[in-house]
Amino acid sequence: MTTLQLPSLQPAQHPMSAILPRTEYFEIDSAIAGVRYAVWVNTPMGYEKETDHQYPAIFTVDGNMMAPCTMPYSVGLSQDPLHPIVPFVQVMVGYCGDEVPDWGTVYRNRDLLPPGEPASPRLMAMAEGLVKARGEIAESMKKFISSVREGGRADNFLRFLAEELHPQITARWRIDTATTGLFGDSYGGLFAAWVAMQRHPLFTRIGAGSPGMMTEKSKVFDLLTREIESGADHSGRHLHMSIGELEITVPSIYQQVGCGFVRFVTTLGETPLKGLTFTSAIIPNASHITTILPNWLGFLRACYPAR
């Protein structure tokens, strides 16, 4: 009897297309933020053939997580028979080099928290409690607490996206600058809502998933009040905000996110902003973690439907 020779696993360097189809990876040094960022860009199916067509560019933060989570879906969403999405160029922004190990606990806080954004006392207390634990989680929470207390520089990050990165994208790909989008989740959702309330001239279609407005004194509410009281015109703009059902209904730290979501949605329901298209959704049976992809897809269906 012949003994079957089992094949062995061969260590290899795979091309990015093995995981992220139609994707290119870049790094860019921001003079504004003083940081080197990672950038993933992918194009939809048919991009090479439709040589006269311009595409929306949709910028998304937290690229180290969001790129592998969403890009494999994005290239084919225009072919979805039930919810076809307008083909788009996806631009993911994240972290590289020495910032990679702590991107989720330190550097995203620097970039996504608006200047002066107050920390949630309950969130900080939970983080401080975890510091008493041993090992990696304790060290991670120490860094998180320090980064939140140092405060955010979302103003610099926004300028980087609009003034440094966007011109590079439009120079290299065929972009329809009138339909540029922005999506973020959690603190990224806080950043997205903060940008929306500023009526930024570049980003006119914005998705805020589970936005981290965790205190009543969030800077987003300050801007919302200002926009309502001034009668600001948001014509031509669309903000879509969504959250997981369990962030509202199940006791956890994320109920603070749920409270912020309900307050924002209720306020806009009672006093709509002039001209703003505002849509919202609660994702059934989803938590703060499991709602990330549904939040992203919901934003696309709301703001970029093909029909």
Foldseek 3Di string as FASTA:
>chain_A
DDDDDDDDDDDDDDDPCVQQNQKDKDWDQDPLVRAIKIKIKGFAPPQVVPVVDAFAEEEEEPQVPVRSVPRVPLNCQCVPPPFHFGTHMYMYIFHDDPCVVLRPQAVCQQALADFPFDDQPVVLVVLVVQLPPDDDSNVSSVNNNVRVVVGYDNVSNVCCVPPPVVVVDVVVGRHDQLAYAYEYEASSLQSQLQVLLVLDVRHQQYFRELYNSQDPPGVSVVSVVVQLVVLDASASHEYEYEYEPCLCVPDDSSVSSVVVVVVVVVVCVVRPRHRYHYYYYYHYPDHSPRCPVVSVVVSRSVRGTPD
